[in-house]
N, C-alpha and C. Protein backbone atom coordinates (compact mmCIF):
# COMPACT_ATOMS: atom_id res chain seq x y z
N MET A 1 9.14 -12.45 -14.48
CA MET A 1 8.10 -11.42 -13.64
C MET A 1 6.75 -12.25 -14.31
N ASP A 2 6.06 -12.61 -12.48
CA ASP A 2 4.78 -13.45 -13.49
C ASP A 2 3.55 -12.35 -11.95
N ILE A 3 2.58 -12.54 -12.41
CA ILE A 3 2.30 -11.28 -11.66
C ILE A 3 0.80 -11.77 -12.19
N GLN A 4 0.43 -12.06 -9.89
CA GLN A 4 -0.77 -13.48 -9.63
C GLN A 4 -1.68 -12.51 -9.36
N ASN A 5 -3.00 -12.93 -9.62
CA ASN A 5 -3.94 -13.17 -8.31
C ASN A 5 -3.57 -12.89 -7.09
N ILE A 6 -3.87 -13.07 -5.57
CA ILE A 6 -3.84 -12.68 -4.50
C ILE A 6 -5.38 -13.82 -4.73
N ASP A 7 -4.65 -15.27 -4.40
CA ASP A 7 -7.00 -16.19 -3.66
C ASP A 7 -6.00 -17.25 -2.70
N GLN A 8 -7.57 -17.64 -2.61
CA GLN A 8 -7.32 -18.46 -1.20
C GLN A 8 -5.84 -19.53 -1.49
N PRO A 9 -6.16 -20.89 -2.51
CA PRO A 9 -5.25 -21.15 -2.86
C PRO A 9 -3.31 -20.90 -2.22
N ASN A 10 -3.14 -19.67 -2.13
CA ASN A 10 -2.07 -18.68 -1.91
C ASN A 10 -2.09 -17.59 -0.61
N ARG A 11 -3.37 -17.99 -0.32
CA ARG A 11 -3.46 -16.82 1.11
C ARG A 11 -1.97 -16.56 2.20
N GLU A 12 -2.14 -18.29 2.44
CA GLU A 12 -1.70 -18.61 3.77
C GLU A 12 -0.17 -17.77 3.09
N ARG A 13 0.85 -17.85 2.15
CA ARG A 13 1.87 -17.57 1.41
C ARG A 13 1.77 -16.10 2.06
N ILE A 14 1.50 -15.79 1.29
CA ILE A 14 1.18 -13.45 0.99
C ILE A 14 0.85 -13.22 2.44
N ASP A 15 0.47 -14.00 3.80
CA ASP A 15 -0.12 -14.01 4.53
C ASP A 15 1.74 -13.60 5.14
N ALA A 16 2.14 -14.12 4.82
CA ALA A 16 3.97 -14.50 5.19
C ALA A 16 4.68 -13.27 5.24
N PHE A 17 4.52 -12.64 3.45
CA PHE A 17 4.58 -11.75 3.57
C PHE A 17 4.85 -10.74 3.48
N ILE A 18 2.94 -10.63 4.23
CA ILE A 18 2.80 -9.56 4.98
C ILE A 18 3.52 -9.06 5.69
N VAL A 19 3.84 -9.89 6.82
CA VAL A 19 3.74 -9.66 7.82
C VAL A 19 5.57 -10.26 8.18
N ARG A 20 6.36 -10.56 7.12
CA ARG A 20 8.29 -10.36 6.84
C ARG A 20 7.87 -8.91 6.59
N GLN A 21 6.87 -8.04 6.16
CA GLN A 21 7.69 -7.08 5.53
C GLN A 21 6.82 -5.71 6.46
N TRP A 22 5.43 -5.52 6.86
CA TRP A 22 5.46 -5.02 7.81
C TRP A 22 4.62 -5.57 9.40
N PHE A 23 5.41 -6.45 9.88
CA PHE A 23 5.42 -7.05 10.87
C PHE A 23 4.45 -7.03 12.18
N SER A 24 2.96 -7.26 10.51
CA SER A 24 1.76 -7.94 11.24
C SER A 24 0.91 -8.33 10.47
N MET A 25 0.01 -8.46 10.27
CA MET A 25 -1.45 -8.10 9.61
C MET A 25 -2.16 -7.32 10.05
N GLN A 26 -2.09 -6.87 9.97
CA GLN A 26 -2.84 -5.76 10.93
C GLN A 26 -1.70 -3.49 10.34
N MET A 27 -2.58 -3.18 10.19
CA MET A 27 -2.37 -1.51 9.36
C MET A 27 -3.27 -0.41 9.72
N VAL A 28 -2.71 0.24 10.32
CA VAL A 28 -4.24 1.20 11.19
C VAL A 28 -3.72 2.56 9.53
N VAL A 29 -4.74 2.47 9.38
CA VAL A 29 -4.83 4.61 8.15
C VAL A 29 -5.50 4.99 8.31
N HIS A 30 -5.31 6.33 8.83
CA HIS A 30 -6.42 7.39 9.28
C HIS A 30 -6.87 6.92 10.59
N GLY A 31 -6.72 6.72 11.47
CA GLY A 31 -7.37 5.67 12.52
C GLY A 31 -7.81 4.60 12.35
N GLU A 32 -8.21 4.17 11.67
CA GLU A 32 -8.83 3.05 11.26
C GLU A 32 -7.86 2.09 11.04
N SER A 33 -8.22 0.15 11.69
CA SER A 33 -6.95 -0.55 12.21
C SER A 33 -7.11 -1.53 10.69
N ILE A 34 -6.78 -2.42 9.59
CA ILE A 34 -7.29 -2.39 8.70
C ILE A 34 -5.82 -4.47 8.72
N ASP A 35 -7.85 -5.71 8.50
CA ASP A 35 -7.16 -6.42 8.04
C ASP A 35 -6.21 -6.55 7.02
N LEU A 36 -4.69 -6.94 7.08
CA LEU A 36 -4.84 -6.76 5.22
C LEU A 36 -4.88 -8.78 5.45
N SER A 37 -4.94 -9.88 6.20
CA SER A 37 -5.89 -10.99 5.37
C SER A 37 -6.92 -11.01 4.81
N GLU A 38 -7.44 -9.86 5.00
CA GLU A 38 -9.12 -9.82 4.81
C GLU A 38 -9.19 -8.89 3.07
N ALA A 39 -7.99 -8.26 2.76
CA ALA A 39 -7.22 -7.62 1.26
C ALA A 39 -7.55 -8.09 0.21
N ALA A 40 -8.19 -7.79 -1.61
CA ALA A 40 -7.49 -8.17 -2.51
C ALA A 40 -6.42 -7.35 -3.05
N GLY A 41 -5.71 -8.99 -3.64
CA GLY A 41 -4.33 -7.28 -4.64
C GLY A 41 -3.53 -8.17 -5.49
N TYR A 42 -2.37 -8.47 -5.80
CA TYR A 42 -1.08 -8.99 -6.88
C TYR A 42 -0.03 -9.18 -6.18
N TYR A 43 -0.14 -10.50 -6.90
CA TYR A 43 1.82 -10.18 -5.98
C TYR A 43 2.35 -10.95 -7.34
N ALA A 44 4.15 -10.71 -7.35
CA ALA A 44 4.62 -10.73 -8.65
C ALA A 44 5.60 -11.17 -7.82
N MET A 45 5.82 -12.62 -8.39
CA MET A 45 6.39 -13.78 -8.98
C MET A 45 7.98 -14.34 -8.84
N GLU A 46 9.37 -14.62 -9.16
CA GLU A 46 9.92 -14.83 -9.55
C GLU A 46 10.90 -16.25 -9.35
N ASP A 47 11.05 -17.14 -9.96
CA ASP A 47 12.13 -18.27 -9.77
C ASP A 47 11.12 -18.86 -8.23
N ASP A 48 10.15 -18.44 -8.46
CA ASP A 48 8.71 -19.38 -7.05
C ASP A 48 9.28 -18.55 -5.73
N GLU A 49 9.58 -17.32 -6.20
CA GLU A 49 10.24 -16.12 -4.87
C GLU A 49 8.57 -15.06 -5.14
N ILE A 50 8.14 -14.68 -4.06
CA ILE A 50 7.19 -13.65 -3.72
C ILE A 50 8.63 -12.22 -4.03
N ILE A 51 8.13 -11.64 -5.61
CA ILE A 51 9.32 -10.69 -5.24
C ILE A 51 8.77 -9.43 -4.97
N GLY A 52 7.38 -8.63 -5.51
CA GLY A 52 6.56 -7.92 -5.06
C GLY A 52 4.88 -8.27 -4.34
N LEU A 53 4.09 -6.88 -3.84
CA LEU A 53 2.99 -7.36 -4.13
C LEU A 53 1.85 -5.80 -2.84
N ILE A 54 0.95 -6.16 -4.05
CA ILE A 54 0.03 -4.56 -3.96
C ILE A 54 -1.00 -5.55 -3.31
N THR A 55 -1.37 -4.38 -2.33
CA THR A 55 -3.62 -5.31 -1.82
C THR A 55 -4.32 -3.98 -2.20
N TYR A 56 -5.36 -4.27 -2.10
CA TYR A 56 -6.60 -2.69 -2.27
C TYR A 56 -7.04 -3.59 -1.81
N ARG A 57 -8.43 -1.92 -1.75
CA ARG A 57 -9.65 -2.50 -1.46
C ARG A 57 -10.46 -1.26 -1.67
N ILE A 58 -12.01 -1.97 -2.15
CA ILE A 58 -12.82 -1.00 -2.85
C ILE A 58 -14.23 -0.66 -2.23
N THR A 59 -13.75 0.42 -2.32
CA THR A 59 -14.43 1.50 -1.07
C THR A 59 -15.92 2.27 -2.15
N ASP A 60 -17.28 2.92 -2.50
CA ASP A 60 -17.93 2.33 -3.56
C ASP A 60 -17.03 2.67 -4.80
N ASN A 61 -17.19 3.65 -5.97
CA ASN A 61 -16.72 4.17 -6.95
C ASN A 61 -14.91 3.85 -6.19
N GLU A 62 -13.87 3.97 -5.77
CA GLU A 62 -12.48 4.58 -4.65
C GLU A 62 -11.46 2.90 -4.84
N MET A 63 -10.97 2.75 -5.59
CA MET A 63 -9.95 2.27 -4.64
C MET A 63 -8.45 2.96 -4.00
N GLU A 64 -8.35 1.77 -2.64
CA GLU A 64 -7.64 2.24 -1.99
C GLU A 64 -6.39 1.26 -2.30
N ILE A 65 -5.23 1.70 -2.16
CA ILE A 65 -3.97 0.46 -2.05
C ILE A 65 -3.70 1.19 -0.77
N LEU A 66 -3.45 -0.47 -0.19
CA LEU A 66 -3.39 -0.04 0.91
C LEU A 66 -1.70 -0.60 0.96
N SER A 67 -1.47 -1.19 0.91
CA SER A 67 0.54 -1.17 0.53
C SER A 67 1.16 -1.88 -0.48
N LEU A 68 2.01 -1.67 -0.87
CA LEU A 68 2.89 -2.12 -1.91
C LEU A 68 4.52 -1.42 -1.65
N ASP A 69 5.11 -3.59 -1.52
CA ASP A 69 5.97 -3.56 -1.54
C ASP A 69 6.59 -4.07 -2.86
N SER A 70 8.28 -3.64 -2.68
CA SER A 70 8.57 -4.57 -3.44
C SER A 70 10.30 -4.39 -3.18
N LEU A 71 10.56 -5.71 -3.27
CA LEU A 71 11.75 -6.29 -2.33
C LEU A 71 13.37 -6.74 -3.38
N ARG A 72 13.23 -5.49 -4.71
CA ARG A 72 14.14 -5.48 -5.74
C ARG A 72 13.93 -4.09 -6.65
N GLU A 73 14.40 -2.69 -5.77
CA GLU A 73 13.89 -0.99 -6.08
C GLU A 73 14.63 -1.84 -7.48
N ASN A 74 13.92 -0.63 -8.46
CA ASN A 74 14.27 0.05 -9.82
C ASN A 74 14.49 -1.27 -10.82
N LYS A 75 13.08 -1.90 -10.71
CA LYS A 75 13.19 -3.02 -11.45
C LYS A 75 12.19 -3.46 -11.82
N GLY A 76 11.22 -1.90 -11.54
CA GLY A 76 10.01 -2.37 -12.12
C GLY A 76 8.53 -3.36 -11.59
N ILE A 77 9.81 -4.07 -10.70
CA ILE A 77 8.27 -4.08 -9.78
C ILE A 77 6.94 -3.65 -9.00
N GLY A 78 6.51 -2.55 -8.76
CA GLY A 78 6.19 -1.95 -8.13
C GLY A 78 5.95 -0.68 -9.78
N THR A 79 6.03 -0.28 -10.65
CA THR A 79 4.96 -0.04 -11.29
C THR A 79 4.76 -1.11 -12.29
N ALA A 80 4.60 -1.98 -12.10
CA ALA A 80 4.43 -2.96 -12.48
C ALA A 80 2.31 -4.04 -11.94
N LEU A 81 2.97 -4.03 -10.79
CA LEU A 81 1.64 -4.53 -10.31
C LEU A 81 1.28 -2.92 -9.54
N LEU A 82 1.27 -1.71 -9.86
CA LEU A 82 0.90 -0.41 -9.76
C LEU A 82 -0.46 -0.05 -10.83
N ASN A 83 0.61 -1.31 -12.17
CA ASN A 83 -0.16 -0.46 -13.30
C ASN A 83 -1.08 -1.73 -13.53
N LYS A 84 -1.15 -3.13 -12.50
CA LYS A 84 -2.43 -4.02 -12.18
C LYS A 84 -3.42 -3.39 -12.12
N VAL A 85 -3.29 -2.71 -10.31
CA VAL A 85 -4.32 -2.81 -10.05
C VAL A 85 -5.60 -0.80 -10.61
N THR A 86 -4.02 -0.83 -11.40
CA THR A 86 -5.42 1.07 -12.57
C THR A 86 -6.18 0.07 -12.60
N LEU A 87 -5.55 -0.99 -13.86
CA LEU A 87 -6.52 -1.47 -14.76
C LEU A 87 -7.38 -2.17 -14.63
N LYS A 88 -7.72 -3.14 -12.48
CA LYS A 88 -8.67 -3.19 -12.73
C LYS A 88 -9.24 -2.44 -11.74
N ALA A 89 -8.92 -1.13 -11.00
CA ALA A 89 -9.97 0.22 -11.33
C ALA A 89 -10.37 0.54 -12.60
N VAL A 90 -10.06 -0.11 -14.01
CA VAL A 90 -10.91 1.39 -14.45
C VAL A 90 -12.02 0.28 -15.20
N GLU A 91 -11.24 -1.37 -15.24
CA GLU A 91 -11.74 -3.08 -15.47
C GLU A 91 -12.96 -2.70 -14.46
N ILE A 92 -13.31 -2.23 -13.55
CA ILE A 92 -14.36 -1.79 -12.26
C ILE A 92 -15.15 -1.00 -12.22
N GLY A 93 -15.10 0.75 -12.84
CA GLY A 93 -15.72 1.66 -12.70
C GLY A 93 -15.84 2.22 -11.99
N CYS A 94 -13.55 1.63 -11.45
CA CYS A 94 -13.73 3.43 -10.46
C CYS A 94 -13.42 4.82 -11.23
N SER A 95 -13.73 5.99 -9.88
CA SER A 95 -13.70 6.59 -10.84
C SER A 95 -11.78 7.31 -10.58
N LYS A 96 -11.65 7.15 -9.38
CA LYS A 96 -9.73 7.17 -8.88
C LYS A 96 -8.65 5.77 -8.04
N ILE A 97 -7.92 6.04 -7.78
CA ILE A 97 -7.45 5.55 -6.45
C ILE A 97 -6.53 6.46 -5.52
N LYS A 98 -6.49 6.20 -4.65
CA LYS A 98 -6.02 6.67 -3.50
C LYS A 98 -4.99 6.34 -2.26
N LEU A 99 -5.17 6.86 -1.80
CA LEU A 99 -4.22 6.20 -0.50
C LEU A 99 -2.38 6.70 -0.01
N ILE A 100 -3.23 6.52 1.69
CA ILE A 100 -2.23 6.89 2.25
C ILE A 100 -0.59 6.38 2.52
N THR A 101 0.39 7.20 2.41
CA THR A 101 0.99 7.53 3.17
C THR A 101 2.15 7.61 4.11
N THR A 102 2.63 8.69 3.99
CA THR A 102 3.64 9.20 5.76
C THR A 102 4.97 9.95 5.19
N ASN A 103 4.84 10.48 6.32
CA ASN A 103 5.75 12.28 5.07
C ASN A 103 6.93 11.51 6.11
N ASP A 104 7.52 10.83 6.66
CA ASP A 104 8.83 9.98 6.33
C ASP A 104 9.14 9.46 4.79
N ASN A 105 7.61 8.80 4.13
CA ASN A 105 8.00 7.93 3.30
C ASN A 105 8.33 8.45 1.52
N LEU A 106 9.50 9.00 1.59
CA LEU A 106 9.58 10.04 0.23
C LEU A 106 10.09 9.43 -0.86
N ALA A 107 10.07 8.35 0.24
CA ALA A 107 10.20 6.83 -1.67
C ALA A 107 8.98 6.58 -2.35
N ALA A 108 8.20 7.28 -1.84
CA ALA A 108 6.30 6.67 -2.32
C ALA A 108 5.85 8.22 -2.52
N LEU A 109 6.50 9.27 -1.77
CA LEU A 109 6.04 10.46 -2.27
C LEU A 109 6.88 10.57 -3.99
N TRP A 110 7.90 10.07 -3.97
CA TRP A 110 8.30 10.26 -5.28
C TRP A 110 7.97 9.68 -6.04
N PHE A 111 7.71 8.16 -5.74
CA PHE A 111 6.84 6.40 -6.27
C PHE A 111 5.96 6.95 -7.37
N TYR A 112 5.11 7.54 -6.39
CA TYR A 112 2.99 7.52 -6.23
C TYR A 112 3.73 9.15 -7.69
N GLN A 113 3.68 10.12 -7.36
CA GLN A 113 3.74 11.53 -7.91
C GLN A 113 4.34 11.16 -9.52
N LYS A 114 5.54 10.34 -8.93
CA LYS A 114 5.56 10.01 -10.82
C LYS A 114 5.28 9.31 -11.53
N ARG A 115 3.87 8.44 -11.20
CA ARG A 115 2.92 7.95 -12.12
C ARG A 115 1.79 8.80 -12.19
N GLY A 116 1.18 10.68 -11.49
CA GLY A 116 0.51 10.54 -12.00
C GLY A 116 -0.45 11.03 -10.85
N PHE A 117 0.57 10.28 -9.52
CA PHE A 117 -0.65 10.66 -8.45
C PHE A 117 -0.12 12.06 -8.11
N ASP A 118 -1.38 13.17 -7.75
CA ASP A 118 -1.68 14.10 -6.43
C ASP A 118 -1.69 14.40 -4.72
N MET A 119 -1.01 14.83 -4.53
CA MET A 119 -0.97 14.73 -2.86
C MET A 119 -2.36 15.27 -2.50
N VAL A 120 -3.28 14.67 -1.41
CA VAL A 120 -4.56 16.23 -1.72
C VAL A 120 -4.68 16.03 -0.02
N ARG A 121 -4.24 15.43 0.66
CA ARG A 121 -4.27 15.97 1.69
C ARG A 121 -3.81 15.93 2.63
N LEU A 122 -3.40 16.20 3.45
CA LEU A 122 -1.99 16.64 5.06
C LEU A 122 -3.01 16.05 6.02
N TYR A 123 -3.08 14.53 6.78
CA TYR A 123 -3.83 14.87 7.48
C TYR A 123 -2.53 14.68 9.14
N CYS A 124 -2.26 15.75 9.62
CA CYS A 124 -1.55 16.23 10.78
C CYS A 124 -1.59 16.06 12.24
N ASN A 125 -0.44 15.00 12.59
CA ASN A 125 -0.65 14.48 13.19
C ASN A 125 -0.86 13.58 13.91
N ALA A 126 -1.71 12.83 12.81
CA ALA A 126 -2.16 11.59 12.52
C ALA A 126 -2.19 9.73 12.89
N LEU A 127 -0.32 10.66 13.37
CA LEU A 127 -0.35 8.63 13.63
C LEU A 127 -0.74 9.16 15.71
N GLU A 128 -0.50 9.80 16.16
CA GLU A 128 -0.78 10.40 17.68
C GLU A 128 -1.84 9.18 17.11
N GLN A 129 -3.32 9.50 16.22
CA GLN A 129 -4.43 8.22 16.79
C GLN A 129 -4.65 7.11 16.64
N SER A 130 -3.16 7.02 15.38
CA SER A 130 -3.07 5.41 15.23
C SER A 130 -2.52 4.81 15.86
N ARG A 131 -1.10 5.60 17.28
CA ARG A 131 -0.78 4.53 17.56
C ARG A 131 -1.09 4.09 18.77
N LYS A 132 -1.86 4.46 18.99
CA LYS A 132 -4.24 4.47 20.56
C LYS A 132 -3.98 2.78 20.06
N ILE A 133 -4.05 2.29 18.37
CA ILE A 133 -4.58 1.67 17.63
C ILE A 133 -3.56 0.21 17.72
N LYS A 134 -2.13 0.40 17.23
CA LYS A 134 -1.70 0.01 17.14
C LYS A 134 -0.70 0.64 17.88
N PRO A 135 0.13 0.77 18.97
CA PRO A 135 1.35 1.20 20.17
C PRO A 135 2.92 1.58 19.09
N GLU A 136 2.62 0.51 18.30
CA GLU A 136 3.85 -0.84 18.23
C GLU A 136 4.54 0.32 17.30
N ILE A 137 3.50 1.70 16.27
CA ILE A 137 4.35 2.43 15.18
C ILE A 137 4.78 3.97 16.07
N PRO A 138 6.25 3.26 15.05
CA PRO A 138 7.35 3.88 15.93
C PRO A 138 7.51 5.98 15.47
N LEU A 139 8.44 6.35 16.59
CA LEU A 139 8.22 8.29 16.78
C LEU A 139 8.29 7.87 15.65
N ILE A 140 9.97 7.93 15.15
CA ILE A 140 10.54 7.51 14.05
C ILE A 140 10.83 7.01 13.15
N GLY A 141 10.30 7.27 11.85
CA GLY A 141 10.54 6.83 10.52
C GLY A 141 11.62 6.45 10.28
N GLU A 142 12.18 6.64 8.70
CA GLU A 142 13.09 6.46 7.48
C GLU A 142 13.86 8.25 7.37
N ASN A 143 14.88 7.57 7.60
CA ASN A 143 16.23 8.58 7.44
C ASN A 143 16.43 9.33 8.38
N GLY A 144 15.37 9.13 9.32
CA GLY A 144 15.24 9.90 11.57
C GLY A 144 14.39 10.81 10.81
N ILE A 145 13.31 10.76 10.24
CA ILE A 145 12.09 10.83 10.01
C ILE A 145 11.33 11.77 10.64
N PRO A 146 11.27 12.49 12.02
CA PRO A 146 9.72 12.01 12.79
C PRO A 146 8.85 12.10 12.53
N LEU A 147 7.89 10.50 12.53
CA LEU A 147 6.51 9.87 12.34
C LEU A 147 5.65 10.89 12.57
N LYS A 148 5.14 11.61 11.97
CA LYS A 148 4.39 12.24 12.66
C LYS A 148 2.15 11.96 12.00
N HIS A 149 3.14 12.64 10.72
CA HIS A 149 1.20 13.19 9.57
C HIS A 149 1.40 11.63 8.66
N GLU A 150 0.13 12.12 8.14
CA GLU A 150 -0.46 10.98 6.80
C GLU A 150 -0.90 11.87 5.89
N ILE A 151 0.17 11.52 4.23
CA ILE A 151 -0.57 12.36 3.38
C ILE A 151 -1.46 11.93 2.53
N GLU A 152 -2.68 11.66 2.04
CA GLU A 152 -3.05 11.55 0.88
C GLU A 152 -3.20 11.77 -0.10
N LEU A 153 -3.00 10.59 -1.51
CA LEU A 153 -2.61 10.81 -3.12
C LEU A 153 -3.63 10.86 -3.32
N GLU A 154 -4.26 10.45 -5.13
CA GLU A 154 -4.71 10.35 -5.99
C GLU A 154 -5.00 10.25 -6.85
N MET A 155 -4.70 9.93 -7.34
CA MET A 155 -5.20 10.06 -9.52
C MET A 155 -5.93 9.54 -9.24
N SER A 156 -6.93 10.13 -10.60
CA SER A 156 -8.42 10.12 -11.41
C SER A 156 -7.70 8.97 -12.56
N LEU A 157 -9.54 8.63 -13.27
CA LEU A 157 -9.37 8.13 -13.65
C LEU A 157 -10.50 7.99 -14.65
């Protein structure tokens, strides 16, 4: 596995991967629309195929993870990408890394807590506001769980 920085020469390929995974370049987090084509990040390659991607943005001295995708679960891809952005955050002097996930994403809650993140905030019914911006957000999420709330996780550096 080779981890590479997202840069302009590979941006078109990265954007196509994002659309395959998320169905759109638009992500809505806490009532804000974010264009993932402008996000920094890293991608994992194997045999000339993208097998994972992490995107982030920096605000003040905090890194916010916007997306993390691994096409092969339990192979260390997500962990390797998370480690790469953690090193970047430390290198540029960030005080914490944070992210938002939804109440149905049990795999993300497990993954991030196992790697040192804590749940710090619950935004009840936040998806109602997000659906006003992006109506295609479904009412039912993973495992048949109603998709309602955002959960903020963070890790101090």
